[in-house]
Amino acid sequence: MRSGTLRILGGIGALAGAVAATLVGGALVWERRTHARVAALLARIEDPGLSDIDPVTVPEPVARYLEHALSPGAGTITWARLSQRGQFRASVEPERWAPFSAVQVFRAEPPGFVWDAAIRMTPVVPVRVRDAYGEGHAEMRAKLGGLFTVVDAADEPALLRSALIRFLAESVWIPTRLRPGPHLQWRAEAADTAVATLTDGDVSVSLRFRFDAQGDVVEIFSADRPREVDGGYVEQPWIVRLSEHEWVDGFRIPRRGEVAWLPPTGEEPYWRGRVESLHFETVPSWRPHATLESTP
């Protein structure tokens, strides 16, 4: 082999090594910052002060859901960690779905979460996405390889509201958080639906929950979730559909979901996934109402 060819191959090898080292470094920085967000989230865990489930004051479908989803003696969830796998819609036209994996940590009170995902929008380098909320702050960061910025948004009022809507909808994965309390109220709407209103500081959001005959949450709807469009935010209808409900450590949760925007041009699904694992931290503070029974 000629020396010139060797020099070229050596240069390519050095460049590849430098790129690989840069990507590894970017991933490590991303992980450190995510771990710091999670540590800050779990450094402040408060008593949610949730009420007993009283069928006299709680709408019937909600009381039925809580009776169905919370096993007596399972306790009250203070925080939880789950892992997910699924597909994220990377573009609308042409429709293109990219596989993703994610880890999410929830804090029940005050409301908070950190979602850390790797989305394979390119064959080689994933886009890392961190969506976080807590202490009156919200952020949405996305970086190619954890290094090159794709999205960088934080603390806009619309983003805060959108993040709290997400937390309320995803409380189906920490179901004791859906018990009524000082910051969460339920309003009856129909035999199979009720509206939950969650307040965190100056932000208040409402979602409509629909329950099946068994008592599982099968659909969650917002008429006006803020959506980022061309650098700004517009309010659009938004829907979550849930299925494959199972018992995990005394709590009944949906394993599978699909999320979509509902603009005037037609439904745009953008997230579909499955909960692969779920870990709860609880305190033994909940006592079921005397008239309610629950059997896993």
Protein backbone atom coordinates (compact mmCIF):
# COMPACT_ATOMS: atom_id res chain seq x y z
CA MET A 1 0.00 0.00 0.00
CA ARG A 2 1.32 3.43 -0.91
CA SER A 3 2.39 5.83 1.81
CA GLY A 4 -0.03 8.50 0.50
CA THR A 5 -2.93 6.11 0.88
CA LEU A 6 -1.76 5.26 4.37
CA ARG A 7 -1.65 8.97 5.27
CA ILE A 8 -5.21 9.45 3.94
CA LEU A 9 -6.51 6.45 5.84
CA GLY A 10 -4.70 7.62 8.92
CA GLY A 11 -6.30 11.05 8.59
CA ILE A 12 -9.75 9.53 8.16
CA GLY A 13 -9.17 7.37 11.21
CA ALA A 14 -8.06 10.34 13.27
CA LEU A 15 -11.09 12.35 12.14
CA ALA A 16 -13.45 9.50 12.96
CA GLY A 17 -11.84 9.16 16.36
CA ALA A 18 -12.18 12.88 17.01
CA VAL A 19 -15.85 12.84 15.99
CA ALA A 20 -16.50 9.81 18.19
CA ALA A 21 -14.75 11.46 21.15
CA THR A 22 -16.76 14.65 20.62
CA LEU A 23 -20.04 12.72 20.56
CA VAL A 24 -19.10 10.78 23.69
CA GLY A 25 -18.22 14.03 25.42
CA GLY A 26 -21.52 15.58 24.36
CA ALA A 27 -23.43 12.56 25.69
CA LEU A 28 -21.62 12.76 29.03
CA VAL A 29 -22.41 16.47 29.42
CA TRP A 30 -26.05 15.76 28.56
CA GLU A 31 -26.24 12.96 31.13
CA ARG A 32 -24.69 15.09 33.88
CA ARG A 33 -27.16 17.91 33.29
CA THR A 34 -30.09 15.50 33.22
CA HIS A 35 -28.95 13.90 36.47
CA ALA A 36 -28.69 17.36 38.03
CA ARG A 37 -32.28 18.13 36.97
CA VAL A 38 -33.49 14.86 38.49
CA ALA A 39 -31.54 15.46 41.73
CA ALA A 40 -33.06 18.93 42.06
CA LEU A 41 -36.52 17.50 41.40
CA LEU A 42 -36.21 14.85 44.11
CA ALA A 43 -34.58 17.20 46.62
CA ARG A 44 -37.99 18.72 47.32
CA ILE A 45 -40.79 16.23 47.94
CA GLU A 46 -43.83 17.44 49.86
CA ASP A 47 -46.95 15.87 51.33
CA PRO A 48 -49.59 16.18 48.61
CA GLY A 49 -52.31 16.57 51.25
CA LEU A 50 -54.72 14.48 49.21
CA SER A 51 -58.25 13.82 50.41
CA ASP A 52 -59.96 10.52 51.05
CA ILE A 53 -62.10 9.26 48.21
CA ASP A 54 -65.61 10.35 49.13
CA PRO A 55 -68.24 9.31 46.57
CA VAL A 56 -70.49 12.07 47.89
CA THR A 57 -68.13 14.86 46.80
CA VAL A 58 -66.08 13.17 44.05
CA PRO A 59 -67.78 12.71 40.64
CA GLU A 60 -68.99 9.12 40.22
CA PRO A 61 -66.69 8.14 37.31
CA VAL A 62 -63.68 9.51 39.21
CA ALA A 63 -64.61 7.69 42.42
CA ARG A 64 -65.05 4.53 40.36
CA TYR A 65 -61.63 5.02 38.74
CA LEU A 66 -59.86 5.64 42.05
CA GLU A 67 -61.55 2.65 43.62
CA HIS A 68 -60.50 0.57 40.63
CA ALA A 69 -56.93 1.85 40.19
CA LEU A 70 -55.65 2.11 43.79
CA SER A 71 -55.19 -1.05 45.79
CA PRO A 72 -55.85 -0.53 49.54
CA GLY A 73 -52.60 -0.42 51.45
CA ALA A 74 -50.46 0.43 48.42
CA GLY A 75 -49.74 3.88 49.86
CA THR A 76 -49.42 7.31 48.26
CA ILE A 77 -46.88 7.76 45.47
CA THR A 78 -44.28 10.44 46.20
CA TRP A 79 -42.17 9.90 43.08
CA ALA A 80 -41.81 7.38 40.30
CA ARG A 81 -39.42 6.37 37.53
CA LEU A 82 -40.48 4.77 34.26
CA SER A 83 -38.87 3.72 31.01
CA GLN A 84 -40.57 3.91 27.61
CA ARG A 85 -40.04 2.75 24.05
CA GLY A 86 -41.97 3.72 20.97
CA GLN A 87 -42.05 5.96 17.94
CA PHE A 88 -41.99 9.72 17.54
CA ARG A 89 -43.30 11.44 14.42
CA ALA A 90 -40.29 13.30 13.10
CA SER A 91 -42.16 15.02 10.24
CA VAL A 92 -45.71 15.47 9.03
CA GLU A 93 -45.11 15.48 5.25
CA PRO A 94 -43.78 13.07 4.30
CA GLU A 95 -44.96 11.16 7.36
CA ARG A 96 -41.88 9.73 9.04
CA TRP A 97 -41.72 7.98 12.40
CA ALA A 98 -38.47 7.57 14.36
CA PRO A 99 -37.88 5.05 17.16
CA PHE A 100 -37.19 6.42 20.63
CA SER A 101 -36.36 5.26 24.13
CA ALA A 102 -36.86 7.40 27.21
CA VAL A 103 -36.61 7.52 30.98
CA GLN A 104 -38.95 9.76 32.96
CA VAL A 105 -38.97 10.72 36.63
CA PHE A 106 -42.13 12.15 38.21
CA ARG A 107 -42.53 14.02 41.49
CA ALA A 108 -46.09 14.05 42.79
CA GLU A 109 -45.94 17.21 44.93
CA PRO A 110 -45.11 19.84 43.99
CA PRO A 111 -45.81 18.75 40.40
CA GLY A 112 -42.65 18.01 38.46
CA PHE A 113 -41.03 15.70 35.94
CA VAL A 114 -37.89 15.15 33.86
CA TRP A 115 -38.25 13.26 30.57
CA ASP A 116 -34.97 12.24 28.92
CA ALA A 117 -35.28 10.66 25.47
CA ALA A 118 -33.07 9.48 22.64
CA ILE A 119 -34.83 9.72 19.27
CA ARG A 120 -33.24 8.01 16.25
CA MET A 121 -34.01 10.67 13.67
CA THR A 122 -30.70 9.84 11.97
CA PRO A 123 -29.22 6.35 11.50
CA VAL A 124 -26.06 7.08 13.48
CA VAL A 125 -26.51 9.92 15.98
CA PRO A 126 -29.66 10.23 18.12
CA VAL A 127 -31.35 13.48 19.00
CA ARG A 128 -31.41 13.83 22.77
CA VAL A 129 -34.51 15.51 24.15
CA ARG A 130 -35.08 16.73 27.70
CA ASP A 131 -38.52 17.97 28.70
CA ALA A 132 -38.70 19.14 32.30
CA TYR A 133 -41.02 20.98 34.69
CA GLY A 134 -40.86 22.00 38.35
CA GLU A 135 -40.62 24.95 40.76
CA GLY A 136 -42.31 27.27 38.28
CA HIS A 137 -39.81 26.46 35.53
CA ALA A 138 -40.16 24.52 32.29
CA GLU A 139 -37.65 23.62 29.62
CA MET A 140 -37.58 21.85 26.28
CA ARG A 141 -34.07 21.05 25.01
CA ALA A 142 -33.12 18.97 22.01
CA LYS A 143 -29.57 18.39 20.79
CA LEU A 144 -28.14 16.22 18.06
CA GLY A 145 -25.86 13.78 19.83
CA GLY A 146 -26.41 15.79 23.00
CA LEU A 147 -24.14 18.45 21.50
CA PHE A 148 -25.67 20.49 18.65
CA THR A 149 -28.76 22.48 19.58
CA VAL A 150 -32.01 21.74 17.74
CA VAL A 151 -34.54 23.16 20.24
CA ASP A 152 -33.84 25.45 23.18
CA ALA A 153 -36.89 26.83 24.99
CA ALA A 154 -37.49 27.67 28.64
CA ASP A 155 -39.97 29.38 30.95
CA GLU A 156 -42.28 31.01 28.41
CA PRO A 157 -45.81 31.20 29.92
CA ALA A 158 -47.17 29.00 27.13
CA LEU A 159 -44.45 26.40 27.73
CA LEU A 160 -45.20 26.36 31.48
CA ARG A 161 -48.87 25.76 30.79
CA SER A 162 -48.14 23.08 28.20
CA ALA A 163 -45.80 21.28 30.61
CA LEU A 164 -48.36 21.29 33.43
CA ILE A 165 -50.96 19.88 31.01
CA ARG A 166 -48.51 17.10 30.22
CA PHE A 167 -47.96 16.40 33.93
CA LEU A 168 -51.70 16.20 34.62
CA ALA A 169 -52.31 13.85 31.69
CA GLU A 170 -49.37 11.63 32.64
CA SER A 171 -50.57 11.41 36.23
CA VAL A 172 -52.29 8.20 35.08
CA TRP A 173 -48.81 6.71 35.68
CA ILE A 174 -48.77 7.99 39.28
CA PRO A 175 -52.50 7.50 39.92
CA THR A 176 -52.66 8.59 43.56
CA ARG A 177 -51.90 12.08 42.20
CA LEU A 178 -55.39 12.05 40.67
CA ARG A 179 -57.05 11.96 44.07
CA PRO A 180 -58.72 15.29 44.91
CA GLY A 181 -56.74 17.67 47.09
CA PRO A 182 -55.94 21.33 47.69
CA HIS A 183 -54.47 21.75 44.20
CA LEU A 184 -56.56 19.24 42.22
CA GLN A 185 -60.33 19.41 41.83
CA TRP A 186 -62.73 17.31 39.78
CA ARG A 187 -65.95 18.42 38.11
CA ALA A 188 -68.58 16.03 36.81
CA GLU A 189 -69.36 16.23 33.09
CA ALA A 190 -71.10 13.00 32.05
CA ALA A 191 -71.55 9.42 33.18
CA ASP A 192 -68.16 8.44 31.75
CA THR A 193 -66.24 11.75 31.82
CA ALA A 194 -65.02 14.32 34.32
CA VAL A 195 -62.83 17.42 34.19
CA ALA A 196 -59.72 17.71 36.38
CA THR A 197 -58.26 21.13 37.21
CA LEU A 198 -54.70 21.26 38.55
CA THR A 199 -53.13 24.42 39.96
CA ASP A 200 -49.41 24.91 40.54
CA GLY A 201 -48.50 28.41 41.67
CA ASP A 202 -49.90 30.85 39.13
CA VAL A 203 -50.56 28.18 36.49
CA SER A 204 -53.88 26.36 36.29
CA VAL A 205 -54.90 23.80 33.65
CA SER A 206 -57.94 21.60 33.00
CA LEU A 207 -58.27 18.28 31.15
CA ARG A 208 -61.25 16.07 30.36
CA PHE A 209 -60.80 12.42 31.34
CA ARG A 210 -62.94 9.64 29.85
CA PHE A 211 -63.31 6.29 31.64
CA ASP A 212 -64.45 2.93 30.30
CA ALA A 213 -67.07 0.73 31.95
CA GLN A 214 -64.43 -1.00 34.07
CA GLY A 215 -63.07 2.29 35.40
CA ASP A 216 -59.83 2.66 33.43
CA VAL A 217 -58.85 6.02 31.90
CA VAL A 218 -58.99 5.51 28.13
CA GLU A 219 -58.88 9.09 26.80
CA ILE A 220 -57.65 12.51 27.94
CA PHE A 221 -58.50 15.71 26.06
CA SER A 222 -57.41 19.35 26.13
CA ALA A 223 -59.24 21.93 24.05
CA ASP A 224 -56.33 24.37 24.07
CA ARG A 225 -52.87 22.98 24.77
CA PRO A 226 -50.13 25.40 23.61
CA ARG A 227 -48.21 24.01 20.62
CA GLU A 228 -44.93 25.38 19.29
CA VAL A 229 -45.35 26.47 15.66
CA ASP A 230 -42.71 28.44 13.72
CA GLY A 231 -41.04 29.80 16.85
CA GLY A 232 -44.29 30.80 18.57
CA TYR A 233 -47.18 29.08 20.32
CA VAL A 234 -50.74 28.43 19.19
CA GLU A 235 -53.47 26.72 21.22
CA GLN A 236 -54.81 23.54 19.63
CA PRO A 237 -56.95 20.61 20.73
CA TRP A 238 -54.85 17.70 21.96
CA ILE A 239 -55.77 14.09 22.77
CA VAL A 240 -54.24 11.10 24.54
CA ARG A 241 -55.55 7.56 24.01
CA LEU A 242 -54.58 4.84 26.52
CA SER A 243 -54.77 1.05 26.52
CA GLU A 244 -53.28 -2.18 27.92
CA HIS A 245 -54.05 -1.38 31.56
CA GLU A 246 -52.21 -3.55 34.08
CA TRP A 247 -51.47 -3.76 37.80
CA VAL A 248 -48.01 -2.66 38.92
CA ASP A 249 -47.18 -2.84 42.65
CA GLY A 250 -50.77 -2.18 43.71
CA PHE A 251 -51.57 0.50 41.12
CA ARG A 252 -53.42 0.06 37.84
CA ILE A 253 -51.76 1.93 34.99
CA PRO A 254 -51.97 2.03 31.18
CA ARG A 255 -49.01 0.41 29.46
CA ARG A 256 -49.62 1.83 25.98
CA GLY A 257 -50.59 5.25 24.65
CA GLU A 258 -50.87 7.44 21.57
CA VAL A 259 -50.82 11.24 21.53
CA ALA A 260 -52.07 13.53 18.77
CA TRP A 261 -52.75 17.16 17.92
CA LEU A 262 -56.16 17.93 16.46
CA PRO A 263 -55.69 20.96 14.18
CA PRO A 264 -58.41 22.05 11.72
CA THR A 265 -56.56 20.21 8.93
CA GLY A 266 -57.02 16.83 10.61
CA GLU A 267 -55.58 14.64 13.35
CA GLU A 268 -51.77 14.58 13.63
CA PRO A 269 -50.51 11.75 15.86
CA TYR A 270 -46.92 12.35 16.95
CA TRP A 271 -46.15 10.01 19.86
CA ARG A 272 -46.95 6.35 20.39
CA GLY A 273 -45.23 4.21 22.94
CA ARG A 274 -45.30 1.66 25.71
CA VAL A 275 -44.19 1.77 29.34
CA GLU A 276 -41.51 -0.89 29.68
CA SER A 277 -40.83 -0.56 33.41
CA LEU A 278 -42.20 1.45 36.31
CA HIS A 279 -40.87 1.95 39.85
CA PHE A 280 -42.83 3.72 42.62
CA GLU A 281 -41.70 5.30 45.86
CA THR A 282 -44.62 5.53 48.29
CA VAL A 283 -45.57 6.55 51.81
CA PRO A 284 -48.28 4.67 53.74
CA SER A 285 -50.55 7.69 54.16
CA TRP A 286 -53.60 6.73 52.15
CA ARG A 287 -56.60 5.10 53.78
CA PRO A 288 -59.49 4.22 51.46
CA HIS A 289 -62.97 5.50 52.14
CA ALA A 290 -64.98 3.03 54.20
CA THR A 291 -67.55 2.47 51.46
CA LEU A 292 -65.02 1.63 48.75
CA GLU A 293 -63.34 -1.65 47.98
CA SER A 294 -60.67 -2.52 45.43
CA THR A 295 -59.52 -5.93 44.29
CA PRO A 296 -56.56 -6.23 41.93
